[in-house]
């Protein structure tokens, strides 16, 4: 009896050990998610997300790196340097009329670091959608999302149109609080860490807080639905489309990476990783009406439509782009949590790309202060 018990316990130990080895990567990723924003890790994590999550690399191609010729250097003021320190800025690139007027890096990070976009990736995906539409793969923004993403039939997205999700007006109920461990956005992070399906996660959302199109509410999973629509319409992966239509035509200097789920589906709502200079290149292309180095990358009419405020409720939001309160004509913003910005003043030819690790980004008035600094920098060019 005793021998049988010992043998049984040994067998259990072996099984548990094997299970631990089998799930070691999942456990490691889950632990990484739970400490992703820890003060002692956040800066390094934000420059090396490929160490923590599944990723797929997009080839930059064999073409030359698009030049960013240097212009007259802008010397940052003490107030601007204090802002950089307070926000834990890691990278700052300023362009004016295509000339590089300032470039600096902080907190031990390097120029070539592939920095996490967070929600700035939404603006890239909206640009890709315009290209796909110009190819005739999607008939209308007023088509139901289920036309191209039938897996969403019966979910809270059933009845929402492509325009609704572009405007963050799907009506689905979704908790976006990054500081709440049990929020939907953090559950989604654990889906990524455990290699589960982002498509399945989106299709599992069953509750609405409003009718589609009735009101604006920032819901990041809406952007994932746009990705499902694009993939359904084209039969191709987002990373492949992004590589062909944006990455290679723009001559990015480093092959960017997308975070993916365990099925290779891109984390389109916030998973791009590239150097700050390449975020600035993207901003310069949008500032020029979708044109870059003599090539029309994104249709000009789509750029104009995409960056114009159109969401219900007069909230200063277009198709995955922000038009903040008090914006001058031509001013638009790609924006990500923890202080990621691509600030564009197309009328003045100005682009300011910022990557940060600002753990206080949600404090009241913080974003408004950031806009004062960005507009101040633009005003000196």
Protein backbone atom coordinates (compact mmCIF):
# COMPACT_ATOMS: atom_id res chain seq x y z
CA UNK A 1 0.00 0.00 0.00
CA UNK A 2 2.75 2.38 1.03
CA UNK A 3 4.78 1.47 -2.08
CA UNK A 4 1.77 2.14 -4.32
CA UNK A 5 1.24 5.50 -2.66
CA UNK A 6 4.90 6.44 -3.17
CA UNK A 7 4.77 5.33 -6.81
CA UNK A 8 1.59 7.36 -7.31
CA UNK A 9 3.17 10.46 -5.77
CA UNK A 10 6.28 10.06 -7.93
CA UNK A 11 4.12 9.72 -11.02
CA UNK A 12 2.23 12.87 -10.04
CA UNK A 13 5.50 14.76 -9.56
CA UNK A 14 6.70 13.65 -13.01
CA UNK A 15 3.40 14.69 -14.62
CA UNK A 16 3.51 18.08 -12.91
CA UNK A 17 7.14 18.56 -13.97
CA UNK A 18 6.31 17.73 -17.59
CA UNK A 19 3.29 20.02 -17.47
CA UNK A 20 5.52 22.79 -16.12
CA UNK A 21 7.96 22.36 -19.01
CA UNK A 22 5.13 22.23 -21.54
CA UNK A 23 3.51 25.40 -20.21
CA UNK A 24 6.72 27.19 -19.26
CA UNK A 25 6.53 29.69 -22.13
CA UNK A 26 2.87 30.44 -21.41
CA UNK A 27 3.62 30.92 -17.72
CA UNK A 28 6.59 33.16 -18.55
CA UNK A 29 4.46 35.31 -20.86
CA UNK A 30 1.67 35.55 -18.32
CA UNK A 31 4.14 36.69 -15.67
CA UNK A 32 5.52 39.21 -18.17
CA UNK A 33 2.04 40.64 -18.75
CA UNK A 34 1.49 40.97 -15.01
CA UNK A 35 4.76 42.94 -14.61
CA UNK A 36 4.76 44.69 -18.00
CA UNK A 37 4.28 48.14 -16.50
CA UNK A 38 6.33 47.65 -13.30
CA UNK A 39 8.48 50.74 -12.62
CA UNK A 40 11.76 48.83 -12.81
CA UNK A 41 10.83 47.02 -16.07
CA UNK A 42 8.61 49.29 -18.13
CA UNK A 43 11.33 51.11 -20.11
CA UNK A 44 13.16 47.93 -21.11
CA UNK A 45 9.89 46.11 -21.82
CA UNK A 46 8.64 48.86 -24.12
CA UNK A 47 11.79 48.56 -26.27
CA UNK A 48 11.86 44.75 -26.32
CA UNK A 49 8.31 43.46 -26.51
CA UNK A 50 9.49 40.62 -28.75
CA UNK A 51 11.10 39.07 -25.65
CA UNK A 52 7.71 38.87 -23.95
CA UNK A 53 5.14 38.04 -26.64
CA UNK A 54 4.76 36.15 -29.87
CA UNK A 55 5.71 38.45 -32.75
CA UNK A 56 5.92 38.39 -36.53
CA UNK A 57 8.44 40.46 -38.44
CA UNK A 58 7.53 42.45 -41.54
CA UNK A 59 10.36 42.56 -44.08
CA UNK A 60 11.38 46.09 -44.97
CA UNK A 61 12.44 44.92 -48.44
CA UNK A 62 15.63 45.45 -50.42
CA UNK A 63 15.01 49.11 -51.24
CA UNK A 64 16.98 51.98 -49.73
CA UNK A 65 16.06 53.55 -46.41
CA UNK A 66 14.09 56.71 -47.11
CA UNK A 67 16.28 59.67 -46.14
CA UNK A 68 15.60 62.10 -43.32
CA UNK A 69 18.07 64.87 -44.17
CA UNK A 70 19.15 67.05 -41.26
CA UNK A 71 17.95 70.59 -40.87
CA UNK A 72 18.80 73.27 -38.33
CA UNK A 73 18.90 71.67 -34.88
CA UNK A 74 16.31 72.74 -32.33
CA UNK A 75 17.76 73.15 -28.83
CA UNK A 76 15.26 72.00 -26.22
CA UNK A 77 14.39 74.41 -23.42
CA UNK A 78 14.70 73.56 -19.73
CA UNK A 79 10.91 73.29 -19.51
CA UNK A 80 10.88 70.83 -22.40
CA UNK A 81 13.69 68.79 -20.83
CA UNK A 82 11.77 68.73 -17.55
CA UNK A 83 8.72 67.43 -19.44
CA UNK A 84 10.85 64.70 -21.04
CA UNK A 85 12.12 63.60 -17.64
CA UNK A 86 8.71 63.73 -15.99
CA UNK A 87 7.04 61.73 -18.80
CA UNK A 88 9.86 59.19 -19.02
CA UNK A 89 10.22 59.96 -22.70
CA UNK A 90 12.51 57.43 -24.38
CA UNK A 91 12.56 58.79 -27.94
CA UNK A 92 11.79 62.15 -29.56
CA UNK A 93 12.01 62.91 -33.30
CA UNK A 94 10.93 66.22 -34.84
CA UNK A 95 10.53 66.81 -38.60
CA UNK A 96 9.77 70.02 -40.45
CA UNK A 97 9.15 69.88 -44.21
CA UNK A 98 10.89 66.51 -44.29
CA UNK A 99 14.03 67.76 -42.52
CA UNK A 100 15.16 66.20 -39.24
CA UNK A 101 15.25 69.11 -36.79
CA UNK A 102 15.72 67.15 -33.58
CA UNK A 103 16.37 63.59 -32.45
CA UNK A 104 17.13 62.38 -28.92
CA UNK A 105 16.88 59.22 -26.82
CA UNK A 106 16.73 58.68 -23.09
CA UNK A 107 16.75 56.21 -20.18
CA UNK A 108 19.37 53.97 -21.77
CA UNK A 109 17.40 53.27 -24.96
CA UNK A 110 18.95 53.30 -28.43
CA UNK A 111 17.84 54.89 -31.74
CA UNK A 112 17.30 51.49 -33.37
CA UNK A 113 15.10 50.13 -30.55
CA UNK A 114 11.77 48.84 -31.84
CA UNK A 115 9.45 50.71 -29.47
CA UNK A 116 5.88 49.66 -28.78
CA UNK A 117 3.24 51.74 -30.53
CA UNK A 118 0.31 50.91 -28.30
CA UNK A 119 -2.74 52.57 -29.86
CA UNK A 120 -0.80 54.51 -32.48
CA UNK A 121 -1.10 51.20 -34.35
CA UNK A 122 -4.80 51.95 -34.81
CA UNK A 123 -3.94 54.84 -37.13
CA UNK A 124 -1.71 52.56 -39.22
CA UNK A 125 -4.53 50.04 -39.59
CA UNK A 126 -7.01 52.73 -40.67
CA UNK A 127 -4.52 53.76 -43.37
CA UNK A 128 -4.27 50.16 -44.55
CA UNK A 129 -8.07 49.93 -44.71
CA UNK A 130 -8.14 52.87 -47.12
CA UNK A 131 -5.69 51.09 -49.42
CA UNK A 132 -7.75 47.89 -49.33
CA UNK A 133 -10.91 49.82 -50.11
CA UNK A 134 -9.24 51.54 -53.05
CA UNK A 135 -8.47 48.06 -54.42
CA UNK A 136 -12.20 47.30 -54.33
CA UNK A 137 -11.95 44.53 -51.73
CA UNK A 138 -14.54 46.23 -49.49
CA UNK A 139 -17.67 47.71 -51.07
CA UNK A 140 -18.73 50.27 -48.45
CA UNK A 141 -17.99 51.52 -44.95
CA UNK A 142 -21.67 50.99 -44.26
CA UNK A 143 -21.41 47.23 -44.82
CA UNK A 144 -22.01 45.20 -41.65
CA UNK A 145 -18.77 43.87 -40.17
CA UNK A 146 -20.26 40.37 -40.32
CA UNK A 147 -20.23 40.55 -44.14
CA UNK A 148 -16.45 40.11 -44.00
CA UNK A 149 -16.05 38.64 -40.49
CA UNK A 150 -18.85 36.05 -40.18
CA UNK A 151 -17.37 34.72 -36.93
CA UNK A 152 -18.86 37.83 -35.28
CA UNK A 153 -22.43 36.73 -36.09
CA UNK A 154 -24.36 36.50 -32.85
CA UNK A 155 -21.83 38.62 -30.92
CA UNK A 156 -22.30 42.20 -29.72
CA UNK A 157 -20.79 43.26 -33.07
CA UNK A 158 -23.62 41.72 -35.06
CA UNK A 159 -25.39 44.76 -36.58
CA UNK A 160 -22.41 47.15 -36.35
CA UNK A 161 -21.00 48.57 -39.57
CA UNK A 162 -17.38 49.13 -40.57
CA UNK A 163 -17.93 52.87 -40.11
CA UNK A 164 -19.21 52.27 -36.57
CA UNK A 165 -16.04 50.43 -35.51
CA UNK A 166 -13.79 52.95 -37.29
CA UNK A 167 -15.44 55.73 -35.25
CA UNK A 168 -15.29 53.75 -31.96
CA UNK A 169 -19.08 53.73 -31.98
CA UNK A 170 -19.81 50.00 -32.06
CA UNK A 171 -21.87 50.15 -28.87
CA UNK A 172 -20.20 47.09 -27.34
CA UNK A 173 -19.65 46.98 -23.59
CA UNK A 174 -15.91 46.90 -22.86
CA UNK A 175 -13.89 48.00 -19.81
CA UNK A 176 -10.74 49.80 -21.01
CA UNK A 177 -9.21 50.47 -17.56
CA UNK A 178 -5.56 49.39 -17.68
CA UNK A 179 -5.28 49.76 -13.91
CA UNK A 180 -8.09 47.25 -13.22
CA UNK A 181 -6.71 43.70 -13.24
CA UNK A 182 -10.12 42.27 -14.19
CA UNK A 183 -10.91 44.81 -16.94
CA UNK A 184 -11.63 43.59 -20.46
CA UNK A 185 -8.46 45.21 -21.77
CA UNK A 186 -6.33 43.29 -19.25
CA UNK A 187 -8.21 40.04 -19.92
CA UNK A 188 -7.28 40.60 -23.54
CA UNK A 189 -3.63 40.94 -22.52
CA UNK A 190 -3.80 37.55 -20.86
CA UNK A 191 -5.37 36.10 -24.02
CA UNK A 192 -2.25 37.24 -25.88
CA UNK A 193 0.11 35.95 -23.22
CA UNK A 194 -1.46 32.49 -23.19
CA UNK A 195 -1.50 32.17 -26.97
CA UNK A 196 -5.27 32.17 -27.20
CA UNK A 197 -7.29 33.59 -30.09
CA UNK A 198 -7.92 37.33 -30.43
CA UNK A 199 -10.63 36.57 -32.99
CA UNK A 200 -12.29 34.25 -30.51
CA UNK A 201 -12.02 36.90 -27.80
CA UNK A 202 -13.73 39.50 -30.01
CA UNK A 203 -16.47 37.04 -30.98
CA UNK A 204 -17.09 36.23 -27.30
CA UNK A 205 -18.17 39.79 -26.45
CA UNK A 206 -21.91 39.58 -26.02
CA UNK A 207 -23.09 42.77 -24.31
CA UNK A 208 -23.85 46.24 -25.65
CA UNK A 209 -23.96 49.52 -23.80
CA UNK A 210 -25.54 51.37 -26.74
CA UNK A 211 -26.91 50.77 -30.22
CA UNK A 212 -24.27 50.73 -33.00
CA UNK A 213 -23.52 54.25 -34.18
CA UNK A 214 -25.44 55.91 -31.34
CA UNK A 215 -22.52 57.18 -29.27
CA UNK A 216 -18.74 57.35 -29.15
CA UNK A 217 -16.95 55.18 -26.61
CA UNK A 218 -13.29 54.32 -26.89
CA UNK A 219 -13.19 50.54 -27.21
CA UNK A 220 -9.87 49.12 -28.38
CA UNK A 221 -11.31 45.79 -29.48
CA UNK A 222 -13.22 47.72 -32.20
CA UNK A 223 -9.89 48.03 -33.98
CA UNK A 224 -9.37 44.28 -33.86
CA UNK A 225 -12.71 43.92 -35.64
CA UNK A 226 -11.39 46.20 -38.41
CA UNK A 227 -8.49 43.78 -38.74
CA UNK A 228 -10.90 40.84 -38.98
CA UNK A 229 -12.82 42.68 -41.70
CA UNK A 230 -9.65 43.39 -43.72
CA UNK A 231 -8.44 39.80 -43.45
CA UNK A 232 -11.86 38.46 -44.38
CA UNK A 233 -12.11 40.77 -47.38
CA UNK A 234 -8.62 40.05 -48.73
CA UNK A 235 -7.89 36.50 -47.59
CA UNK A 236 -4.48 37.73 -46.37
CA UNK A 237 -2.88 38.34 -42.99
CA UNK A 238 -2.64 41.94 -41.78
CA UNK A 239 1.14 41.69 -41.39
CA UNK A 240 1.54 40.64 -45.04
CA UNK A 241 -0.71 43.47 -46.23
CA UNK A 242 1.03 46.02 -44.01
CA UNK A 243 4.42 44.86 -45.27
CA UNK A 244 3.44 45.19 -48.93
CA UNK A 245 1.38 48.38 -48.78
CA UNK A 246 3.06 50.50 -46.08
CA UNK A 247 6.32 49.14 -44.69
CA UNK A 248 8.15 48.56 -47.97
CA UNK A 249 6.86 51.56 -49.97
CA UNK A 250 7.88 53.87 -47.12
CA UNK A 251 11.48 52.65 -46.91
CA UNK A 252 11.46 52.11 -43.16
CA UNK A 253 14.92 51.66 -41.71
CA UNK A 254 14.22 48.66 -39.45
CA UNK A 255 11.93 45.71 -40.13
CA UNK A 256 8.99 46.34 -37.78
CA UNK A 257 7.38 43.65 -35.69
CA UNK A 258 3.75 42.99 -34.81
CA UNK A 259 2.80 41.31 -31.56
CA UNK A 260 0.52 38.36 -32.38
CA UNK A 261 -1.69 35.89 -30.62
CA UNK A 262 -0.86 32.19 -30.62
CA UNK A 263 -2.50 31.79 -34.03
CA UNK A 264 -0.34 34.40 -35.78
CA UNK A 265 -3.10 37.03 -35.81
CA UNK A 266 -1.65 40.53 -35.47
CA UNK A 267 -2.41 42.58 -32.37
CA UNK A 268 -3.59 45.40 -34.62
CA UNK A 269 -4.97 47.62 -31.91
CA UNK A 270 -1.60 48.27 -30.28
CA UNK A 271 1.12 45.83 -31.27
CA UNK A 272 3.43 47.57 -33.76
CA UNK A 273 7.11 47.87 -32.78
CA UNK A 274 9.56 50.12 -34.65
CA UNK A 275 12.08 52.94 -34.09
CA UNK A 276 10.81 56.42 -33.32
CA UNK A 277 12.23 57.64 -36.66
CA UNK A 278 9.93 55.23 -38.52
CA UNK A 279 6.88 56.47 -36.61
CA UNK A 280 7.94 59.95 -37.75
CA UNK A 281 8.20 58.78 -41.36
CA UNK A 282 4.62 57.51 -41.19
CA UNK A 283 3.49 60.85 -39.76
CA UNK A 284 5.25 62.73 -42.56
CA UNK A 285 3.50 60.57 -45.16
CA UNK A 286 0.09 61.36 -43.63
CA UNK A 287 1.02 65.06 -43.37
CA UNK A 288 1.70 65.01 -47.12
CA UNK A 289 -1.76 63.64 -47.91
CA UNK A 290 -0.59 60.01 -48.13
CA UNK A 291 2.37 60.73 -50.41
CA UNK A 292 5.93 59.68 -49.61
CA UNK A 293 9.09 60.16 -51.66
CA UNK A 294 7.04 60.87 -54.80
CA UNK A 295 4.71 57.87 -54.38
CA UNK A 296 1.05 57.93 -53.36
CA UNK A 297 1.10 55.32 -50.57
CA UNK A 298 -2.37 55.97 -49.10
CA UNK A 299 -5.10 57.49 -51.29
CA UNK A 300 -5.25 61.24 -50.66
CA UNK A 301 -9.05 61.28 -50.47
CA UNK A 302 -8.95 58.57 -47.82
CA UNK A 303 -6.38 60.46 -45.74
CA UNK A 304 -8.62 63.54 -45.74
CA UNK A 305 -11.64 61.47 -44.75
CA UNK A 306 -9.76 59.44 -42.15
CA UNK A 307 -8.33 62.36 -40.17
CA UNK A 308 -11.50 64.50 -40.20
CA UNK A 309 -13.63 64.43 -37.02
CA UNK A 310 -16.63 62.22 -37.75
CA UNK A 311 -17.45 60.23 -34.61
CA UNK A 312 -20.82 60.87 -32.94
CA UNK A 313 -20.89 63.34 -30.09
CA UNK A 314 -18.40 65.93 -31.36
CA UNK A 315 -15.51 64.26 -29.54
CA UNK A 316 -12.70 65.09 -31.96
CA UNK A 317 -12.22 61.59 -33.32
CA UNK A 318 -12.11 60.42 -36.93
CA UNK A 319 -11.28 56.98 -38.28
CA UNK A 320 -8.82 55.85 -35.59
CA UNK A 321 -7.24 59.32 -35.45
CA UNK A 322 -7.60 62.04 -32.80
CA UNK A 323 -8.33 65.70 -33.47
CA UNK A 324 -7.85 67.13 -29.95
CA UNK A 325 -9.84 70.04 -28.61
CA UNK A 326 -8.37 73.35 -29.73
CA UNK A 327 -6.61 71.84 -32.76
CA UNK A 328 -5.61 74.24 -35.50
CA UNK A 329 -6.50 73.34 -39.12
CA UNK A 330 -4.32 70.44 -40.26
CA UNK A 331 -3.56 69.25 -36.73
CA UNK A 332 -4.15 65.56 -35.99
CA UNK A 333 -2.77 62.96 -33.60
CA UNK A 334 -2.02 59.25 -33.42
CA UNK A 335 -2.02 58.44 -29.73
CA UNK A 336 -1.10 55.50 -27.51
CA UNK A 337 -1.19 54.84 -23.79
CA UNK A 338 1.83 55.59 -21.62
CA UNK A 339 2.72 58.63 -23.73
CA UNK A 340 3.05 57.54 -27.37
CA UNK A 341 2.34 60.28 -29.92
CA UNK A 342 2.61 61.11 -33.58
CA UNK A 343 1.66 64.80 -33.64
CA UNK A 344 0.99 66.15 -37.13
CA UNK A 345 0.47 69.72 -38.30
CA UNK A 346 0.08 69.13 -42.02
CA UNK A 347 -0.48 72.82 -42.83
CA UNK A 348 2.99 73.58 -41.44
CA UNK A 349 4.73 70.36 -42.50
CA UNK A 350 5.48 69.41 -38.89
CA UNK A 351 5.67 65.93 -37.38
CA UNK A 352 6.66 65.13 -33.79
CA UNK A 353 7.03 61.47 -32.83
CA UNK A 354 7.27 60.61 -29.14
CA UNK A 355 7.76 57.31 -27.35
CA UNK A 356 7.48 57.20 -23.58
CA UNK A 357 6.95 55.01 -20.53
CA UNK A 358 4.71 57.42 -18.62
CA UNK A 359 3.02 55.44 -15.84
CA UNK A 360 1.06 58.56 -14.83
CA UNK A 361 -0.51 59.05 -18.25
CA UNK A 362 -4.07 58.77 -16.91
CA UNK A 363 -3.79 61.58 -14.38
CA UNK A 364 -6.27 64.42 -14.97
CA UNK A 365 -4.85 67.17 -17.17
CA UNK A 366 -1.80 65.16 -18.20
CA UNK A 367 -2.80 64.80 -21.85
CA UNK A 368 -3.70 68.48 -22.06
CA UNK A 369 -0.24 69.37 -20.69
CA UNK A 370 1.35 67.09 -23.29
CA UNK A 371 -0.51 68.92 -26.04
CA UNK A 372 0.76 72.27 -24.76
CA UNK A 373 4.35 71.00 -24.98
CA UNK A 374 3.89 69.45 -28.45
CA UNK A 375 2.23 72.57 -29.81
CA UNK A 376 4.95 74.67 -28.21
CA UNK A 377 7.64 72.65 -29.96
CA UNK A 378 5.76 72.97 -33.25
CA UNK A 379 5.46 76.70 -32.76
CA UNK A 380 9.24 77.06 -32.65
CA UNK A 381 9.82 75.48 -36.05
